[in-house]
Amino acid sequence: MKNFGTLREKLRRTTLKLSEVRDIIGCRVVVLNQNEDQDLVVRRITESIQAEKFKIIDRRINSNHGYRAVHIELRIDRIRLEIQVRTAIQDLWASTSEAFGELVGRGVRYGKEIELERFSARERILVLQIETGLASASNKIGVAFGKNYAQDSTETREIHNELNVINSLIANTDWGLQS
């Protein structure tokens, strides 16, 4: 369930009315890094739900600011719900991006510029490297989807390693943010 602060932020950031927000209630399913697994889970969910209507939004190729997944938006008894289906590598990227957003401002997840003046010169270099690394990893995940790489492929392992390095930079750097 989306918390109040996140919901308020979304309403301020978009033109949506509260009744139009589709992801107040939802869940996430994480599958192995194989597109067939992700497709199979989406198909099984949509075949088994008894909703008034549902819509599939596939963000695997055309990402939303780097974010990639398949969303199933549905309505049951006039309640809007969302089910996200991600591969493990998509989930790792999203978690890494969220951690970065907590550091530099959540707006970065929606295309907002980072306020670099908050950081020291050394930190600015790291922030820009992390931002570039996340964009690169997202692009590689999009390519991996198109080529249907397996979870244990060299390409998927490389993306995983890149994201682990980024997570390490986020977690292990003394950011000492300037006021």
Foldseek 3Di string as FASTA:
>chain_A
DDDPVRLVVVVVVDVDDPLPDQAPAEEEAEAALFVVVQVVVVVVVVVPDDFPDKDKDACLQPHQLLQGWIKIWTHHPSHIHIYTYYYPLSVLLVVLLVLLCVVQNVCNSRPDDGPLVQFDPVVSVLNVVLSVLSNVLSNLSSVCNVVRDGNPDPSNVVSVVSSVVSSCCSPPDPGPTHD
